[in-house]
Amino acid sequence: MACECNQVSAKTETERATLRIALQLNAMMFVVGMAAGLWAQSTGLIADALDMLADASAYAIALMAISRSATFKRYAARWSGIILLILGIGIILDVVRRGLIGSDPQGQTMMIFSAISLAVNTTVLKMLAKFRHGEVHLRATWIFTRADVLANIGVFLSGMIVWLTSFYIADLMVGLAIGLYVINEAAEIFKESFVSNELSSS
């Protein structure tokens, strides 16, 4: 029994340590990415930065859920999904706003900062890979970060298009794509939490 308790304790501490590192990295990249997005007038970078903020929030919620009941963990996952849903809607509204008032995104800046974000998120995704098939609140963190990696790639490619062709609509298109993808990820997290609830009830 003592041995099993020690194993559970070690597993919990590993989860906490991983989530703390992920939280710190995403909080830092939110500040950097938001500053870069505002300076570069890039909807894609701003959307990517907000996605980082949502991730940091999800990691914080997951940290609170560790060692809590299965019900608390399901609700933690759902709160993460709500954050993603709000974020996705906000990104789409910003795309519409910038489409109406116009913008002049800087392609090179988009490429540089999206590449940095991609490096950070790829590292975090590898760290969270062990949670991919874990409890629902931990799976949610993996889903969040997977969305980030795809968003980073999209922003980089749109930055390249803007830089090479001055086709600024590419920035709005990737911002819209990120918003829609984030909403889809929110739906996936909700689905995971309700499936988990059904399994625990059966």
N, C-alpha and C. Protein backbone atom coordinates (compact mmCIF):
# COMPACT_ATOMS: atom_id res chain seq x y z
N MET A 1 0.83 -1.20 0.00
CA MET A 1 0.00 0.00 0.00
C MET A 1 0.87 1.26 0.00
N ALA A 2 1.92 1.25 0.83
CA ALA A 2 2.81 2.42 0.90
C ALA A 2 3.48 2.66 -0.43
N CYS A 3 3.84 1.56 -1.08
CA CYS A 3 4.51 1.67 -2.38
C CYS A 3 3.57 2.30 -3.40
N GLU A 4 2.28 1.86 -3.41
CA GLU A 4 1.31 2.41 -4.34
C GLU A 4 1.07 3.89 -4.08
N CYS A 5 1.03 4.26 -2.80
CA CYS A 5 0.83 5.67 -2.45
C CYS A 5 2.00 6.53 -2.94
N ASN A 6 3.21 5.99 -2.80
CA ASN A 6 4.39 6.71 -3.27
C ASN A 6 4.35 6.89 -4.78
N GLN A 7 3.88 5.86 -5.50
CA GLN A 7 3.80 5.94 -6.96
C GLN A 7 2.78 7.00 -7.39
N VAL A 8 1.62 7.01 -6.69
CA VAL A 8 0.60 8.00 -7.00
C VAL A 8 1.11 9.40 -6.72
N SER A 9 1.81 9.57 -5.59
CA SER A 9 2.37 10.87 -5.22
C SER A 9 3.39 11.35 -6.25
N ALA A 10 4.26 10.44 -6.69
CA ALA A 10 5.28 10.79 -7.69
C ALA A 10 4.62 11.19 -9.01
N LYS A 11 3.57 10.45 -9.40
CA LYS A 11 2.84 10.75 -10.64
C LYS A 11 2.19 12.14 -10.54
N THR A 12 1.59 12.43 -9.39
CA THR A 12 0.94 13.72 -9.19
C THR A 12 1.95 14.86 -9.26
N GLU A 13 3.10 14.69 -8.64
CA GLU A 13 4.13 15.72 -8.65
C GLU A 13 4.67 15.94 -10.06
N THR A 14 4.78 14.86 -10.84
CA THR A 14 5.23 14.97 -12.23
C THR A 14 4.22 15.77 -13.04
N GLU A 15 2.93 15.49 -12.82
CA GLU A 15 1.88 16.24 -13.51
C GLU A 15 1.95 17.72 -13.16
N ARG A 16 2.09 18.00 -11.87
CA ARG A 16 2.16 19.40 -11.42
C ARG A 16 3.36 20.12 -12.03
N ALA A 17 4.52 19.48 -12.00
CA ALA A 17 5.75 20.09 -12.52
C ALA A 17 5.61 20.38 -14.01
N THR A 18 5.04 19.43 -14.76
CA THR A 18 4.87 19.61 -16.20
C THR A 18 3.92 20.76 -16.50
N LEU A 19 2.81 20.81 -15.79
CA LEU A 19 1.82 21.86 -16.02
C LEU A 19 2.35 23.23 -15.61
N ARG A 20 3.15 23.29 -14.55
CA ARG A 20 3.72 24.58 -14.14
C ARG A 20 4.64 25.13 -15.23
N ILE A 21 5.48 24.28 -15.78
CA ILE A 21 6.40 24.72 -16.85
C ILE A 21 5.59 25.19 -18.06
N ALA A 22 4.57 24.41 -18.43
CA ALA A 22 3.73 24.76 -19.57
C ALA A 22 3.02 26.09 -19.33
N LEU A 23 2.53 26.29 -18.12
CA LEU A 23 1.85 27.53 -17.75
C LEU A 23 2.79 28.73 -17.87
N GLN A 24 4.00 28.60 -17.35
CA GLN A 24 4.97 29.70 -17.40
C GLN A 24 5.35 30.06 -18.83
N LEU A 25 5.59 29.03 -19.65
CA LEU A 25 5.98 29.27 -21.04
C LEU A 25 4.87 29.95 -21.83
N ASN A 26 3.63 29.50 -21.62
CA ASN A 26 2.51 30.08 -22.37
C ASN A 26 2.19 31.49 -21.90
N ALA A 27 2.29 31.74 -20.61
CA ALA A 27 2.05 33.10 -20.10
C ALA A 27 3.08 34.07 -20.69
N MET A 28 4.33 33.62 -20.75
CA MET A 28 5.39 34.46 -21.30
C MET A 28 5.15 34.73 -22.79
N MET A 29 4.77 33.67 -23.54
CA MET A 29 4.56 33.83 -24.97
C MET A 29 3.30 34.62 -25.28
N PHE A 30 2.32 34.62 -24.38
CA PHE A 30 1.14 35.47 -24.57
C PHE A 30 1.56 36.93 -24.59
N VAL A 31 2.38 37.34 -23.62
CA VAL A 31 2.83 38.73 -23.53
C VAL A 31 3.64 39.11 -24.78
N VAL A 32 4.59 38.24 -25.13
CA VAL A 32 5.44 38.50 -26.29
C VAL A 32 4.62 38.53 -27.58
N GLY A 33 3.76 37.53 -27.74
CA GLY A 33 2.96 37.42 -28.97
C GLY A 33 1.96 38.55 -29.13
N MET A 34 1.33 38.96 -28.03
CA MET A 34 0.36 40.05 -28.10
C MET A 34 1.05 41.37 -28.48
N ALA A 35 2.20 41.62 -27.88
CA ALA A 35 2.95 42.83 -28.21
C ALA A 35 3.35 42.82 -29.68
N ALA A 36 3.82 41.66 -30.16
CA ALA A 36 4.22 41.54 -31.56
C ALA A 36 3.03 41.70 -32.49
N GLY A 37 1.89 41.10 -32.12
CA GLY A 37 0.70 41.18 -32.95
C GLY A 37 0.17 42.60 -33.08
N LEU A 38 0.16 43.34 -31.97
CA LEU A 38 -0.31 44.72 -32.02
C LEU A 38 0.64 45.58 -32.83
N TRP A 39 1.95 45.36 -32.68
CA TRP A 39 2.94 46.14 -33.41
C TRP A 39 2.88 45.82 -34.91
N ALA A 40 2.69 44.53 -35.23
CA ALA A 40 2.69 44.11 -36.63
C ALA A 40 1.30 44.22 -37.27
N GLN A 41 0.29 44.66 -36.50
CA GLN A 41 -1.09 44.76 -37.00
C GLN A 41 -1.56 43.43 -37.58
N SER A 42 -1.24 42.35 -36.89
CA SER A 42 -1.55 41.01 -37.40
C SER A 42 -2.64 40.34 -36.59
N THR A 43 -3.76 40.08 -37.22
CA THR A 43 -4.84 39.33 -36.57
C THR A 43 -4.37 37.92 -36.22
N GLY A 44 -3.58 37.32 -37.11
CA GLY A 44 -3.08 35.98 -36.87
C GLY A 44 -2.23 35.90 -35.61
N LEU A 45 -1.29 36.84 -35.45
CA LEU A 45 -0.44 36.85 -34.25
C LEU A 45 -1.24 37.12 -32.99
N ILE A 46 -2.20 38.05 -33.08
CA ILE A 46 -3.03 38.35 -31.91
C ILE A 46 -3.86 37.13 -31.52
N ALA A 47 -4.43 36.45 -32.53
CA ALA A 47 -5.21 35.24 -32.27
C ALA A 47 -4.33 34.17 -31.63
N ASP A 48 -3.12 34.05 -32.14
CA ASP A 48 -2.18 33.07 -31.61
C ASP A 48 -1.82 33.40 -30.16
N ALA A 49 -1.62 34.68 -29.87
CA ALA A 49 -1.29 35.10 -28.51
C ALA A 49 -2.45 34.83 -27.55
N LEU A 50 -3.68 35.12 -28.00
CA LEU A 50 -4.84 34.85 -27.17
C LEU A 50 -5.02 33.36 -26.93
N ASP A 51 -4.65 32.57 -27.93
CA ASP A 51 -4.68 31.12 -27.77
C ASP A 51 -3.70 30.69 -26.68
N MET A 52 -2.54 31.35 -26.63
CA MET A 52 -1.56 31.08 -25.57
C MET A 52 -2.15 31.42 -24.19
N LEU A 53 -2.89 32.54 -24.12
CA LEU A 53 -3.51 32.92 -22.85
C LEU A 53 -4.55 31.88 -22.43
N ALA A 54 -5.31 31.40 -23.40
CA ALA A 54 -6.30 30.35 -23.09
C ALA A 54 -5.61 29.09 -22.60
N ASP A 55 -4.49 28.76 -23.22
CA ASP A 55 -3.72 27.58 -22.78
C ASP A 55 -3.25 27.75 -21.34
N ALA A 56 -2.70 28.94 -21.05
CA ALA A 56 -2.21 29.19 -19.70
C ALA A 56 -3.36 29.04 -18.69
N SER A 57 -4.53 29.51 -19.06
CA SER A 57 -5.70 29.36 -18.19
C SER A 57 -6.06 27.90 -18.01
N ALA A 58 -5.99 27.14 -19.10
CA ALA A 58 -6.32 25.71 -19.04
C ALA A 58 -5.33 24.96 -18.16
N TYR A 59 -4.05 25.32 -18.26
CA TYR A 59 -3.04 24.66 -17.41
C TYR A 59 -3.28 24.99 -15.94
N ALA A 60 -3.67 26.24 -15.67
CA ALA A 60 -3.96 26.63 -14.29
C ALA A 60 -5.15 25.85 -13.74
N ILE A 61 -6.18 25.69 -14.57
CA ILE A 61 -7.37 24.93 -14.16
C ILE A 61 -7.00 23.46 -13.93
N ALA A 62 -6.17 22.91 -14.82
CA ALA A 62 -5.74 21.52 -14.67
C ALA A 62 -4.92 21.33 -13.40
N LEU A 63 -4.10 22.31 -13.07
CA LEU A 63 -3.32 22.24 -11.83
C LEU A 63 -4.24 22.19 -10.61
N MET A 64 -5.30 22.99 -10.65
CA MET A 64 -6.25 22.99 -9.53
C MET A 64 -6.98 21.66 -9.43
N ALA A 65 -7.16 20.98 -10.58
CA ALA A 65 -7.94 19.75 -10.61
C ALA A 65 -7.15 18.53 -10.14
N ILE A 66 -5.83 18.62 -10.14
CA ILE A 66 -5.01 17.47 -9.72
C ILE A 66 -5.35 17.11 -8.28
N SER A 67 -5.50 15.82 -8.05
CA SER A 67 -5.83 15.27 -6.73
C SER A 67 -7.26 15.58 -6.29
N ARG A 68 -8.07 16.15 -7.20
CA ARG A 68 -9.47 16.39 -6.87
C ARG A 68 -10.32 15.23 -7.39
N SER A 69 -11.61 15.31 -7.15
CA SER A 69 -12.52 14.24 -7.55
C SER A 69 -12.70 14.20 -9.06
N ALA A 70 -13.22 13.08 -9.56
CA ALA A 70 -13.46 12.93 -11.00
C ALA A 70 -14.47 13.97 -11.47
N THR A 71 -15.45 14.28 -10.63
CA THR A 71 -16.45 15.29 -10.99
C THR A 71 -15.80 16.66 -11.16
N PHE A 72 -14.92 17.02 -10.24
CA PHE A 72 -14.21 18.30 -10.33
C PHE A 72 -13.39 18.35 -11.61
N LYS A 73 -12.74 17.25 -11.96
CA LYS A 73 -11.90 17.21 -13.16
C LYS A 73 -12.74 17.38 -14.43
N ARG A 74 -13.94 16.78 -14.44
CA ARG A 74 -14.81 16.96 -15.60
C ARG A 74 -15.23 18.42 -15.74
N TYR A 75 -15.58 19.04 -14.60
CA TYR A 75 -15.97 20.44 -14.66
C TYR A 75 -14.78 21.33 -15.03
N ALA A 76 -13.58 20.95 -14.60
CA ALA A 76 -12.37 21.70 -14.97
C ALA A 76 -12.18 21.66 -16.48
N ALA A 77 -12.39 20.48 -17.07
CA ALA A 77 -12.27 20.35 -18.52
C ALA A 77 -13.31 21.22 -19.23
N ARG A 78 -14.53 21.24 -18.68
CA ARG A 78 -15.59 22.04 -19.29
C ARG A 78 -15.29 23.54 -19.20
N TRP A 79 -14.73 23.98 -18.09
CA TRP A 79 -14.33 25.38 -17.96
C TRP A 79 -13.26 25.72 -19.00
N SER A 80 -12.35 24.78 -19.23
CA SER A 80 -11.33 24.98 -20.26
C SER A 80 -12.00 25.13 -21.62
N GLY A 81 -13.01 24.31 -21.88
CA GLY A 81 -13.74 24.40 -23.14
C GLY A 81 -14.47 25.73 -23.29
N ILE A 82 -15.05 26.23 -22.19
CA ILE A 82 -15.73 27.52 -22.22
C ILE A 82 -14.76 28.65 -22.56
N ILE A 83 -13.56 28.57 -21.97
CA ILE A 83 -12.53 29.59 -22.27
C ILE A 83 -12.18 29.56 -23.75
N LEU A 84 -12.01 28.36 -24.30
CA LEU A 84 -11.69 28.23 -25.72
C LEU A 84 -12.82 28.78 -26.59
N LEU A 85 -14.06 28.48 -26.22
CA LEU A 85 -15.20 28.94 -27.01
C LEU A 85 -15.26 30.46 -27.04
N ILE A 86 -15.10 31.10 -25.89
CA ILE A 86 -15.09 32.56 -25.81
C ILE A 86 -13.95 33.13 -26.65
N LEU A 87 -12.78 32.50 -26.55
CA LEU A 87 -11.63 32.95 -27.31
C LEU A 87 -11.90 32.87 -28.81
N GLY A 88 -12.44 31.73 -29.26
CA GLY A 88 -12.71 31.54 -30.68
C GLY A 88 -13.66 32.59 -31.23
N ILE A 89 -14.72 32.87 -30.47
CA ILE A 89 -15.68 33.89 -30.90
C ILE A 89 -15.02 35.27 -30.94
N GLY A 90 -14.18 35.56 -29.93
CA GLY A 90 -13.48 36.84 -29.89
C GLY A 90 -12.55 37.02 -31.08
N ILE A 91 -11.85 35.96 -31.46
CA ILE A 91 -10.94 36.02 -32.61
C ILE A 91 -11.72 36.33 -33.89
N ILE A 92 -12.85 35.65 -34.07
CA ILE A 92 -13.65 35.87 -35.27
C ILE A 92 -14.18 37.30 -35.32
N LEU A 93 -14.60 37.83 -34.18
CA LEU A 93 -15.07 39.22 -34.14
C LEU A 93 -13.95 40.20 -34.50
N ASP A 94 -12.71 39.89 -34.06
CA ASP A 94 -11.58 40.76 -34.39
C ASP A 94 -11.27 40.69 -35.88
N VAL A 95 -11.42 39.51 -36.47
CA VAL A 95 -11.21 39.38 -37.92
C VAL A 95 -12.21 40.25 -38.66
N VAL A 96 -13.47 40.20 -38.24
CA VAL A 96 -14.50 41.02 -38.89
C VAL A 96 -14.18 42.51 -38.72
N ARG A 97 -13.77 42.90 -37.52
CA ARG A 97 -13.43 44.31 -37.25
C ARG A 97 -12.29 44.78 -38.14
N ARG A 98 -11.23 43.98 -38.20
CA ARG A 98 -10.08 44.39 -39.02
C ARG A 98 -10.40 44.34 -40.51
N GLY A 99 -11.28 43.42 -40.89
CA GLY A 99 -11.70 43.38 -42.28
C GLY A 99 -12.45 44.63 -42.70
N LEU A 100 -13.19 45.21 -41.75
CA LEU A 100 -13.98 46.40 -42.04
C LEU A 100 -13.13 47.68 -42.01
N ILE A 101 -12.22 47.77 -41.02
CA ILE A 101 -11.44 49.01 -40.88
C ILE A 101 -10.11 48.94 -41.62
N GLY A 102 -9.70 47.74 -42.01
CA GLY A 102 -8.44 47.58 -42.72
C GLY A 102 -7.25 47.38 -41.78
N SER A 103 -6.17 46.83 -42.28
CA SER A 103 -4.95 46.63 -41.50
C SER A 103 -3.77 46.49 -42.45
N ASP A 104 -2.58 46.61 -41.90
CA ASP A 104 -1.35 46.52 -42.70
C ASP A 104 -0.37 45.59 -41.99
N PRO A 105 -0.65 44.29 -42.00
CA PRO A 105 0.20 43.34 -41.27
C PRO A 105 1.62 43.27 -41.83
N GLN A 106 2.57 43.04 -40.93
CA GLN A 106 3.99 42.93 -41.30
C GLN A 106 4.39 41.46 -41.39
N GLY A 107 4.56 40.98 -42.61
CA GLY A 107 4.81 39.57 -42.86
C GLY A 107 6.03 39.01 -42.15
N GLN A 108 7.13 39.74 -42.19
CA GLN A 108 8.36 39.23 -41.58
C GLN A 108 8.21 39.07 -40.06
N THR A 109 7.58 40.05 -39.44
CA THR A 109 7.34 39.97 -37.99
C THR A 109 6.46 38.78 -37.66
N MET A 110 5.44 38.54 -38.48
CA MET A 110 4.56 37.40 -38.28
C MET A 110 5.35 36.09 -38.34
N MET A 111 6.24 35.99 -39.30
CA MET A 111 7.03 34.77 -39.47
C MET A 111 7.97 34.54 -38.28
N ILE A 112 8.63 35.61 -37.85
CA ILE A 112 9.61 35.48 -36.76
C ILE A 112 8.94 35.03 -35.46
N PHE A 113 7.87 35.72 -35.09
CA PHE A 113 7.25 35.42 -33.79
C PHE A 113 6.43 34.13 -33.82
N SER A 114 5.86 33.80 -34.98
CA SER A 114 5.14 32.53 -35.06
C SER A 114 6.12 31.36 -35.00
N ALA A 115 7.33 31.55 -35.54
CA ALA A 115 8.36 30.50 -35.47
C ALA A 115 8.80 30.28 -34.02
N ILE A 116 8.96 31.38 -33.28
CA ILE A 116 9.33 31.27 -31.86
C ILE A 116 8.22 30.55 -31.09
N SER A 117 6.97 30.95 -31.34
CA SER A 117 5.83 30.31 -30.67
C SER A 117 5.74 28.83 -31.02
N LEU A 118 6.02 28.51 -32.29
CA LEU A 118 5.97 27.11 -32.71
C LEU A 118 7.00 26.28 -31.96
N ALA A 119 8.20 26.83 -31.77
CA ALA A 119 9.24 26.11 -31.03
C ALA A 119 8.80 25.85 -29.59
N VAL A 120 8.20 26.87 -28.96
CA VAL A 120 7.75 26.73 -27.58
C VAL A 120 6.61 25.72 -27.49
N ASN A 121 5.63 25.84 -28.38
CA ASN A 121 4.47 24.95 -28.31
C ASN A 121 4.81 23.50 -28.67
N THR A 122 5.76 23.31 -29.58
CA THR A 122 6.18 21.95 -29.91
C THR A 122 6.83 21.30 -28.69
N THR A 123 7.63 22.08 -27.97
CA THR A 123 8.26 21.58 -26.74
C THR A 123 7.21 21.21 -25.71
N VAL A 124 6.22 22.11 -25.52
CA VAL A 124 5.16 21.85 -24.54
C VAL A 124 4.31 20.64 -24.95
N LEU A 125 4.03 20.53 -26.26
CA LEU A 125 3.23 19.39 -26.74
C LEU A 125 3.92 18.07 -26.44
N LYS A 126 5.23 18.03 -26.62
CA LYS A 126 5.98 16.81 -26.29
C LYS A 126 5.91 16.51 -24.80
N MET A 127 5.97 17.56 -24.00
CA MET A 127 5.88 17.38 -22.54
C MET A 127 4.52 16.82 -22.14
N LEU A 128 3.47 17.28 -22.83
CA LEU A 128 2.11 16.89 -22.48
C LEU A 128 1.65 15.61 -23.17
N ALA A 129 2.50 15.05 -24.02
CA ALA A 129 2.11 13.86 -24.78
C ALA A 129 1.68 12.71 -23.87
N LYS A 130 2.30 12.64 -22.69
CA LYS A 130 1.95 11.56 -21.76
C LYS A 130 0.55 11.72 -21.19
N PHE A 131 -0.06 12.89 -21.37
CA PHE A 131 -1.42 13.12 -20.88
C PHE A 131 -2.47 12.88 -21.96
N ARG A 132 -2.02 12.54 -23.17
CA ARG A 132 -2.93 12.43 -24.31
C ARG A 132 -4.08 11.46 -24.05
N HIS A 133 -3.80 10.38 -23.35
CA HIS A 133 -4.84 9.39 -23.05
C HIS A 133 -5.10 9.32 -21.54
N GLY A 134 -4.79 10.40 -20.83
CA GLY A 134 -4.98 10.42 -19.38
C GLY A 134 -6.37 10.90 -19.00
N GLU A 135 -6.49 11.43 -17.79
CA GLU A 135 -7.78 11.92 -17.31
C GLU A 135 -8.23 13.13 -18.12
N VAL A 136 -9.54 13.36 -18.10
CA VAL A 136 -10.13 14.32 -19.01
C VAL A 136 -9.55 15.73 -18.87
N HIS A 137 -9.26 16.18 -17.65
CA HIS A 137 -8.74 17.54 -17.47
C HIS A 137 -7.33 17.65 -18.03
N LEU A 138 -6.58 16.53 -18.05
CA LEU A 138 -5.22 16.54 -18.62
C LEU A 138 -5.27 16.38 -20.13
N ARG A 139 -6.22 15.60 -20.63
CA ARG A 139 -6.37 15.49 -22.09
C ARG A 139 -6.70 16.85 -22.68
N ALA A 140 -7.47 17.64 -21.94
CA ALA A 140 -7.84 18.97 -22.43
C ALA A 140 -6.61 19.83 -22.67
N THR A 141 -5.59 19.72 -21.80
CA THR A 141 -4.38 20.52 -21.98
C THR A 141 -3.64 20.11 -23.24
N TRP A 142 -3.65 18.81 -23.54
CA TRP A 142 -2.99 18.33 -24.75
C TRP A 142 -3.72 18.85 -25.99
N ILE A 143 -5.07 18.82 -25.95
CA ILE A 143 -5.86 19.31 -27.07
C ILE A 143 -5.59 20.80 -27.30
N PHE A 144 -5.52 21.58 -26.23
CA PHE A 144 -5.21 23.01 -26.33
C PHE A 144 -3.90 23.22 -27.07
N THR A 145 -2.87 22.51 -26.64
CA THR A 145 -1.53 22.74 -27.18
C THR A 145 -1.43 22.26 -28.63
N ARG A 146 -2.13 21.18 -28.95
CA ARG A 146 -2.17 20.72 -30.34
C ARG A 146 -2.74 21.81 -31.24
N ALA A 147 -3.79 22.48 -30.76
CA ALA A 147 -4.38 23.58 -31.53
C ALA A 147 -3.37 24.70 -31.73
N ASP A 148 -2.57 24.98 -30.70
CA ASP A 148 -1.56 26.03 -30.80
C ASP A 148 -0.54 25.75 -31.88
N VAL A 149 -0.06 24.52 -31.94
CA VAL A 149 0.96 24.15 -32.93
C VAL A 149 0.43 24.39 -34.34
N LEU A 150 -0.80 23.96 -34.60
CA LEU A 150 -1.39 24.16 -35.92
C LEU A 150 -1.59 25.65 -36.22
N ALA A 151 -1.98 26.41 -35.18
CA ALA A 151 -2.15 27.85 -35.36
C ALA A 151 -0.83 28.52 -35.70
N ASN A 152 0.24 28.12 -35.02
CA ASN A 152 1.57 28.69 -35.29
C ASN A 152 1.99 28.47 -36.74
N ILE A 153 1.75 27.26 -37.23
CA ILE A 153 2.11 26.94 -38.62
C ILE A 153 1.30 27.81 -39.58
N GLY A 154 0.00 27.97 -39.28
CA GLY A 154 -0.86 28.80 -40.13
C GLY A 154 -0.41 30.25 -40.16
N VAL A 155 -0.04 30.79 -39.00
CA VAL A 155 0.42 32.19 -38.93
C VAL A 155 1.72 32.35 -39.70
N PHE A 156 2.63 31.40 -39.57
CA PHE A 156 3.90 31.48 -40.28
C PHE A 156 3.67 31.50 -41.79
N LEU A 157 2.81 30.60 -42.28
CA LEU A 157 2.55 30.53 -43.72
C LEU A 157 1.85 31.79 -44.22
N SER A 158 0.91 32.31 -43.43
CA SER A 158 0.23 33.55 -43.86
C SER A 158 1.20 34.73 -43.83
N GLY A 159 2.13 34.73 -42.86
CA GLY A 159 3.15 35.77 -42.81
C GLY A 159 4.03 35.74 -44.05
N MET A 160 4.34 34.53 -44.50
CA MET A 160 5.16 34.40 -45.70
C MET A 160 4.42 34.93 -46.93
N ILE A 161 3.13 34.64 -46.99
CA ILE A 161 2.32 35.13 -48.11
C ILE A 161 2.25 36.65 -48.09
N VAL A 162 2.01 37.22 -46.91
CA VAL A 162 1.93 38.69 -46.78
C VAL A 162 3.26 39.32 -47.17
N TRP A 163 4.35 38.72 -46.72
CA TRP A 163 5.69 39.26 -46.99
C TRP A 163 6.01 39.22 -48.49
N LEU A 164 5.68 38.10 -49.13
CA LEU A 164 6.05 37.92 -50.53
C LEU A 164 5.11 38.60 -51.51
N THR A 165 3.83 38.71 -51.14
CA THR A 165 2.83 39.20 -52.10
C THR A 165 2.07 40.45 -51.63
N SER A 166 2.22 40.84 -50.34
CA SER A 166 1.45 41.95 -49.76
C SER A 166 -0.05 41.68 -49.75
N PHE A 167 -0.42 40.41 -49.84
CA PHE A 167 -1.83 40.01 -49.80
C PHE A 167 -2.26 39.91 -48.34
N TYR A 168 -2.66 41.06 -47.76
CA TYR A 168 -2.93 41.12 -46.33
C TYR A 168 -4.14 40.29 -45.91
N ILE A 169 -5.01 39.96 -46.89
CA ILE A 169 -6.19 39.14 -46.58
C ILE A 169 -5.77 37.78 -46.02
N ALA A 170 -4.55 37.34 -46.36
CA ALA A 170 -4.07 36.05 -45.85
C ALA A 170 -4.02 36.06 -44.33
N ASP A 171 -3.67 37.22 -43.75
CA ASP A 171 -3.63 37.35 -42.29
C ASP A 171 -5.02 37.20 -41.70
N LEU A 172 -6.01 37.81 -42.34
CA LEU A 172 -7.39 37.70 -41.87
C LEU A 172 -7.90 36.27 -42.03
N MET A 173 -7.51 35.63 -43.11
CA MET A 173 -7.95 34.25 -43.37
C MET A 173 -7.42 33.30 -42.31
N VAL A 174 -6.14 33.46 -41.94
CA VAL A 174 -5.59 32.56 -40.93
C VAL A 174 -6.18 32.88 -39.56
N GLY A 175 -6.46 34.16 -39.30
CA GLY A 175 -7.12 34.51 -38.04
C GLY A 175 -8.50 33.86 -37.95
N LEU A 176 -9.25 33.90 -39.05
CA LEU A 176 -10.56 33.27 -39.09
C LEU A 176 -10.44 31.75 -38.91
N ALA A 177 -9.45 31.16 -39.58
CA ALA A 177 -9.24 29.71 -39.47
C ALA A 177 -8.91 29.31 -38.04
N ILE A 178 -8.06 30.12 -37.38
CA ILE A 178 -7.71 29.83 -35.98
C ILE A 178 -8.95 29.92 -35.10
N GLY A 179 -9.77 30.96 -35.31
CA GLY A 179 -10.98 31.12 -34.53
C GLY A 179 -11.92 29.94 -34.67
N LEU A 180 -12.13 29.49 -35.91
CA LEU A 180 -13.01 28.35 -36.15
C LEU A 180 -12.44 27.07 -35.57
N TYR A 181 -11.12 26.91 -35.71
CA TYR A 181 -10.48 25.70 -35.18
C TYR A 181 -10.56 25.66 -33.65
N VAL A 182 -10.38 26.81 -33.03
CA VAL A 182 -10.45 26.90 -31.57
C VAL A 182 -11.85 26.52 -31.09
N ILE A 183 -12.88 26.99 -31.80
CA ILE A 183 -14.25 26.63 -31.45
C ILE A 183 -14.46 25.12 -31.59
N ASN A 184 -13.89 24.53 -32.64
CA ASN A 184 -13.98 23.08 -32.82
C ASN A 184 -13.29 22.34 -31.68
N GLU A 185 -12.13 22.86 -31.24
CA GLU A 185 -11.42 22.24 -30.12
C GLU A 185 -12.23 22.33 -28.83
N ALA A 186 -12.94 23.46 -28.66
CA ALA A 186 -13.81 23.61 -27.49
C ALA A 186 -14.89 22.53 -27.50
N ALA A 187 -15.46 22.30 -28.68
CA ALA A 187 -16.50 21.26 -28.82
C ALA A 187 -15.93 19.88 -28.48
N GLU A 188 -14.68 19.63 -28.91
CA GLU A 188 -14.05 18.34 -28.63
C GLU A 188 -13.84 18.14 -27.13
N ILE A 189 -13.43 19.21 -26.44
CA ILE A 189 -13.23 19.11 -24.99
C ILE A 189 -14.56 18.86 -24.28
N PHE A 190 -15.62 19.56 -24.71
CA PHE A 190 -16.93 19.31 -24.12
C PHE A 190 -17.35 17.86 -24.32
N LYS A 191 -17.12 17.35 -25.54
CA LYS A 191 -17.47 15.97 -25.84
C LYS A 191 -16.71 15.01 -24.95
N GLU A 192 -15.40 15.25 -24.78
CA GLU A 192 -14.57 14.40 -23.93
C GLU A 192 -15.09 14.39 -22.50
N SER A 193 -15.48 15.55 -21.98
CA SER A 193 -15.92 15.64 -20.59
C SER A 193 -17.23 14.92 -20.37
N PHE A 194 -18.14 15.00 -21.36
CA PHE A 194 -19.43 14.33 -21.21
C PHE A 194 -19.30 12.82 -21.41
N VAL A 195 -18.42 12.39 -22.31
CA VAL A 195 -18.16 10.96 -22.49
C VAL A 195 -17.57 10.39 -21.20
N SER A 196 -16.65 11.15 -20.61
CA SER A 196 -16.03 10.73 -19.34
C SER A 196 -17.08 10.59 -18.25
N ASN A 197 -18.05 11.50 -18.25
CA ASN A 197 -19.13 11.47 -17.25
C ASN A 197 -19.98 10.21 -17.43
N GLU A 198 -20.29 9.88 -18.69
CA GLU A 198 -21.10 8.70 -18.98
C GLU A 198 -20.39 7.42 -18.57
N LEU A 199 -19.07 7.37 -18.84
CA LEU A 199 -18.30 6.18 -18.50
C LEU A 199 -18.23 5.97 -16.99
N SER A 200 -18.07 7.07 -16.24
CA SER A 200 -17.97 6.97 -14.79
C SER A 200 -19.30 6.62 -14.15
N SER A 201 -20.41 6.97 -14.88
CA SER A 201 -21.73 6.70 -14.33
C SER A 201 -22.21 5.29 -14.62
N SER A 202 -21.59 4.67 -15.65
CA SER A 202 -22.04 3.32 -16.07
C SER A 202 -21.42 2.24 -15.21
